[in-house]
C-alpha atoms as a PDB file:
ATOM      1  CA  UNK A   1       0.309  -0.042   0.212  1.00  0.00           C
ATOM      2  CA  UNK A   2       3.067   2.373   0.915  1.00  0.00           C
ATOM      3  CA  UNK A   3       4.862   1.703  -2.602  1.00  0.00           C
ATOM      4  CA  UNK A   4       1.306   2.538  -4.418  1.00  0.00           C
ATOM      5  CA  UNK A   5       0.871   5.303  -2.515  1.00  0.00           C
ATOM      6  CA  UNK A   6       4.788   6.526  -3.408  1.00  0.00           C
ATOM      7  CA  UNK A   7       4.295   5.732  -7.157  1.00  0.00           C
ATOM      8  CA  UNK A   8       0.964   8.057  -7.136  1.00  0.00           C
ATOM      9  CA  UNK A   9       3.021  11.051  -5.573  1.00  0.00           C
ATOM     10  CA  UNK A  10       5.830  10.422  -7.761  1.00  0.00           C
ATOM     11  CA  UNK A  11       3.597  10.805 -11.365  1.00  0.00           C
ATOM     12  CA  UNK A  12       1.944  13.954  -9.619  1.00  0.00           C
ATOM     13  CA  UNK A  13       4.817  15.836  -8.565  1.00  0.00           C
ATOM     14  CA  UNK A  14       6.079  15.009 -12.101  1.00  0.00           C
ATOM     15  CA  UNK A  15       3.144  15.462 -13.573  1.00  0.00           C
ATOM     16  CA  UNK A  16       2.707  19.257 -12.046  1.00  0.00           C
ATOM     17  CA  UNK A  17       6.497  19.916 -13.468  1.00  0.00           C
ATOM     18  CA  UNK A  18       8.945  17.438 -10.955  1.00  0.00           C
ATOM     19  CA  UNK A  19       9.838  17.456  -7.514  1.00  0.00           C
ATOM     20  CA  UNK A  20      10.915  21.036  -7.948  1.00  0.00           C
ATOM     21  CA  UNK A  21       8.214  23.442  -9.418  1.00  0.00           C
ATOM     22  CA  UNK A  22       9.296  26.045 -12.672  1.00  0.00           C
ATOM     23  CA  UNK A  23       9.512  29.266 -12.142  1.00  0.00           C
ATOM     24  CA  UNK A  24       6.777  31.460 -13.209  1.00  0.00           C
ATOM     25  CA  UNK A  25       7.328  33.448 -16.556  1.00  0.00           C
ATOM     26  CA  UNK A  26       5.642  36.353 -17.054  1.00  0.00           C
ATOM     27  CA  UNK A  27       4.524  37.191 -20.584  1.00  0.00           C
ATOM     28  CA  UNK A  28       6.364  40.279 -20.656  1.00  0.00           C
ATOM     29  CA  UNK A  29       6.760  40.012 -24.917  1.00  0.00           C
ATOM     30  CA  UNK A  30       3.376  39.329 -25.428  1.00  0.00           C
ATOM     31  CA  UNK A  31       1.630  40.991 -28.230  1.00  0.00           C
ATOM     32  CA  UNK A  32      -2.301  40.839 -27.983  1.00  0.00           C
ATOM     33  CA  UNK A  33      -2.804  42.109 -31.747  1.00  0.00           C
ATOM     34  CA  UNK A  34      -0.357  39.799 -33.981  1.00  0.00           C
ATOM     35  CA  UNK A  35       0.459  41.836 -36.656  1.00  0.00           C
ATOM     36  CA  UNK A  36       2.591  38.818 -39.852  1.00  0.00           C
ATOM     37  CA  UNK A  37       2.338  38.718 -43.846  1.00  0.00           C
ATOM     38  CA  UNK A  38       4.063  36.059 -45.691  1.00  0.00           C
ATOM     39  CA  UNK A  39       4.139  35.234 -50.177  1.00  0.00           C
ATOM     40  CA  UNK A  40       5.775  32.214 -51.527  1.00  0.00           C
ATOM     41  CA  UNK A  41       5.942  31.297 -55.131  1.00  0.00           C
ATOM     42  CA  UNK A  42       6.652  28.039 -56.962  1.00  0.00           C
ATOM     43  CA  UNK A  43       6.948  27.529 -60.639  1.00  0.00           C
ATOM     44  CA  UNK A  44       8.348  24.046 -61.647  1.00  0.00           C
ATOM     45  CA  UNK A  45       8.588  23.517 -64.905  1.00  0.00           C
ATOM     46  CA  UNK A  46       9.903  19.970 -64.623  1.00  0.00           C
ATOM     47  CA  UNK A  47       7.179  18.611 -62.568  1.00  0.00           C
ATOM     48  CA  UNK A  48       4.341  21.097 -63.873  1.00  0.00           C
ATOM     49  CA  UNK A  49       4.140  22.620 -60.242  1.00  0.00           C
ATOM     50  CA  UNK A  50       2.341  25.814 -60.661  1.00  0.00           C
ATOM     51  CA  UNK A  51       0.876  28.052 -57.121  1.00  0.00           C
ATOM     52  CA  UNK A  52       1.212  30.999 -55.337  1.00  0.00           C
ATOM     53  CA  UNK A  53       0.463  32.045 -51.858  1.00  0.00           C
ATOM     54  CA  UNK A  54       0.010  35.887 -49.693  1.00  0.00           C
ATOM     55  CA  UNK A  55      -1.091  36.399 -46.884  1.00  0.00           C
ATOM     56  CA  UNK A  56      -0.609  39.314 -44.217  1.00  0.00           C
ATOM     57  CA  UNK A  57      -2.583  39.294 -40.219  1.00  0.00           C
ATOM     58  CA  UNK A  58      -3.719  42.298 -38.480  1.00  0.00           C
ATOM     59  CA  UNK A  59      -5.122  41.266 -34.878  1.00  0.00           C
ATOM     60  CA  UNK A  60      -7.522  38.849 -35.362  1.00  0.00           C
ATOM     61  CA  UNK A  61      -8.530  40.131 -39.120  1.00  0.00           C
ATOM     62  CA  UNK A  62      -6.739  37.933 -41.947  1.00  0.00           C
ATOM     63  CA  UNK A  63      -6.143  38.415 -45.390  1.00  0.00           C
ATOM     64  CA  UNK A  64      -5.085  36.273 -48.382  1.00  0.00           C
ATOM     65  CA  UNK A  65      -4.772  34.800 -51.656  1.00  0.00           C
ATOM     66  CA  UNK A  66      -3.576  31.603 -53.285  1.00  0.00           C
ATOM     67  CA  UNK A  67      -3.312  30.209 -56.730  1.00  0.00           C
ATOM     68  CA  UNK A  68      -3.194  26.355 -58.312  1.00  0.00           C
ATOM     69  CA  UNK A  69      -3.447  25.196 -61.439  1.00  0.00           C
ATOM     70  CA  UNK A  70      -5.916  22.542 -61.234  1.00  0.00           C
ATOM     71  CA  UNK A  71      -6.103  19.659 -63.865  1.00  0.00           C
ATOM     72  CA  UNK A  72      -8.254  20.693 -66.504  1.00  0.00           C
ATOM     73  CA  UNK A  73      -5.216  23.409 -67.512  1.00  0.00           C
ATOM     74  CA  UNK A  74      -7.020  25.660 -65.601  1.00  0.00           C
ATOM     75  CA  UNK A  75      -5.980  28.453 -63.018  1.00  0.00           C
ATOM     76  CA  UNK A  76      -7.715  28.681 -59.639  1.00  0.00           C
ATOM     77  CA  UNK A  77      -7.488  31.129 -57.587  1.00  0.00           C
ATOM     78  CA  UNK A  78      -8.866  31.209 -54.096  1.00  0.00           C
ATOM     79  CA  UNK A  79      -9.319  35.248 -52.527  1.00  0.00           C
ATOM     80  CA  UNK A  80     -10.095  34.347 -48.438  1.00  0.00           C
ATOM     81  CA  UNK A  81     -10.407  36.649 -44.974  1.00  0.00           C
ATOM     82  CA  UNK A  82     -11.239  35.608 -41.036  1.00  0.00           C
ATOM     83  CA  UNK A  83     -12.217  37.699 -38.878  1.00  0.00           C
ATOM     84  CA  UNK A  84     -13.550  36.509 -35.053  1.00  0.00           C
ATOM     85  CA  UNK A  85     -16.553  37.890 -36.173  1.00  0.00           C
ATOM     86  CA  UNK A  86     -18.067  36.593 -40.097  1.00  0.00           C
ATOM     87  CA  UNK A  87     -15.195  33.631 -39.884  1.00  0.00           C
ATOM     88  CA  UNK A  88     -13.265  32.188 -42.628  1.00  0.00           C
ATOM     89  CA  UNK A  89     -14.593  33.208 -46.006  1.00  0.00           C
ATOM     90  CA  UNK A  90     -13.556  32.679 -49.703  1.00  0.00           C
ATOM     91  CA  UNK A  91     -14.217  33.437 -53.180  1.00  0.00           C
ATOM     92  CA  UNK A  92     -12.986  30.633 -55.710  1.00  0.00           C
ATOM     93  CA  UNK A  93     -12.373  32.226 -59.420  1.00  0.00           C
ATOM     94  CA  UNK A  94     -11.142  30.322 -62.274  1.00  0.00           C
ATOM     95  CA  UNK A  95      -8.720  31.746 -64.853  1.00  0.00           C
ATOM     96  CA  UNK A  96      -7.256  30.335 -68.419  1.00  0.00           C
ATOM     97  CA  UNK A  97      -4.022  29.654 -68.426  1.00  0.00           C
ATOM     98  CA  UNK A  98      -3.673  30.178 -72.180  1.00  0.00           C
ATOM     99  CA  UNK A  99      -5.698  32.256 -74.702  1.00  0.00           C
ATOM    100  CA  UNK A 100      -8.012  29.679 -76.149  1.00  0.00           C
ATOM    101  CA  UNK A 101      -7.963  30.032 -79.916  1.00  0.00           C
ATOM    102  CA  UNK A 102     -10.428  28.300 -82.472  1.00  0.00           C
ATOM    103  CA  UNK A 103      -9.821  26.602 -84.665  1.00  0.00           C
ATOM    104  CA  UNK A 104      -9.899  27.555 -88.527  1.00  0.00           C
ATOM    105  CA  UNK A 105     -10.999  25.099 -91.329  1.00  0.00           C
ATOM    106  CA  UNK A 106      -8.617  24.135 -93.610  1.00  0.00           C
ATOM    107  CA  UNK A 107     -10.125  22.789 -97.249  1.00  0.00           C
ATOM    108  CA  UNK A 108      -9.023  19.315 -98.006  1.00  0.00           C
ATOM    109  CA  UNK A 109      -5.735  18.560-100.079  1.00  0.00           C
ATOM    110  CA  UNK A 110      -6.299  16.121-102.263  1.00  0.00           C
ATOM    111  CA  UNK A 111      -3.820  12.694-101.971  1.00  0.00           C
ATOM    112  CA  UNK A 112      -2.510  11.397-104.580  1.00  0.00           C
ATOM    113  CA  UNK A 113      -3.414   7.495-104.620  1.00  0.00           C
ATOM    114  CA  UNK A 114      -0.159   5.329-103.192  1.00  0.00           C
ATOM    115  CA  UNK A 115       2.250   3.663-105.880  1.00  0.00           C
ATOM    116  CA  UNK A 116       2.066   0.221-107.386  1.00  0.00           C
ATOM    117  CA  UNK A 117       5.236  -1.752-105.777  1.00  0.00           C
ATOM    118  CA  UNK A 118       7.172  -3.353-108.694  1.00  0.00           C
ATOM    119  CA  UNK A 119       7.924  -6.384-107.405  1.00  0.00           C
ATOM    120  CA  UNK A 120      11.635  -6.380-107.904  1.00  0.00           C
ATOM    121  CA  UNK A 121      13.855  -8.419-110.820  1.00  0.00           C
ATOM    122  CA  UNK A 122      16.496 -10.046-109.755  1.00  0.00           C
ATOM    123  CA  UNK A 123      19.851 -10.973-112.129  1.00  0.00           C
ATOM    124  CA  UNK A 124      20.251 -14.729-113.151  1.00  0.00           C
ATOM    125  CA  UNK A 125      22.589 -16.857-110.632  1.00  0.00           C
ATOM    126  CA  UNK A 126      25.989 -16.853-110.475  1.00  0.00           C
ATOM    127  CA  UNK A 127      25.863 -20.190-111.927  1.00  0.00           C
ATOM    128  CA  UNK A 128      23.913 -22.107-114.812  1.00  0.00           C
ATOM    129  CA  UNK A 129      22.932 -25.126-115.035  1.00  0.00           C
ATOM    130  CA  UNK A 130      25.205 -27.338-118.099  1.00  0.00           C
ATOM    131  CA  UNK A 131      23.307 -30.044-119.843  1.00  0.00           C
ATOM    132  CA  UNK A 132      24.625 -33.417-119.280  1.00  0.00           C
ATOM    133  CA  UNK A 133      26.667 -35.159-121.973  1.00  0.00           C
ATOM    134  CA  UNK A 134      24.628 -38.318-122.162  1.00  0.00           C
ATOM    135  CA  UNK A 135      21.633 -38.562-120.574  1.00  0.00           C
ATOM    136  CA  UNK A 136      23.389 -41.430-117.556  1.00  0.00           C
ATOM    137  CA  UNK A 137      26.007 -38.850-116.675  1.00  0.00           C
ATOM    138  CA  UNK A 138      25.891 -36.775-113.451  1.00  0.00           C
ATOM    139  CA  UNK A 139      24.674 -33.230-113.647  1.00  0.00           C
ATOM    140  CA  UNK A 140      27.444 -31.048-113.611  1.00  0.00           C
ATOM    141  CA  UNK A 141      27.340 -26.723-112.052  1.00  0.00           C
ATOM    142  CA  UNK A 142      29.566 -24.131-114.525  1.00  0.00           C
ATOM    143  CA  UNK A 143      30.457 -21.485-112.386  1.00  0.00           C
ATOM    144  CA  UNK A 144      31.140 -17.923-114.401  1.00  0.00           C
END
């Protein structure tokens, strides 16, 4: 029972900051109205990753914009604001990346029929069969 009590007291002491209490540090550089701004831009033509973001904050009011290239070839641009009264609000719009040119009608070009292939003519072989001198003689070949 004593060991259980000792373990329980030790765990509570460590959970509260150890055996010796940590000194309380007053927050002297606390900023009641935070102020920041940042921006980044990614342009990676190797992977096709193009995006950007800009954001600024003054007190409880945040304003920003980010853009990303969608798979359908358009650029999605999101303008957003956030504050304690209205919450987060975003306006999404899409813009084409490239100017779309309508196709031009082209008159068909007459196509000549393909030439009919002609079988190649090969020269006679370098040897020719010579007629045997008599009927029972073996066949002989003469090479030129």
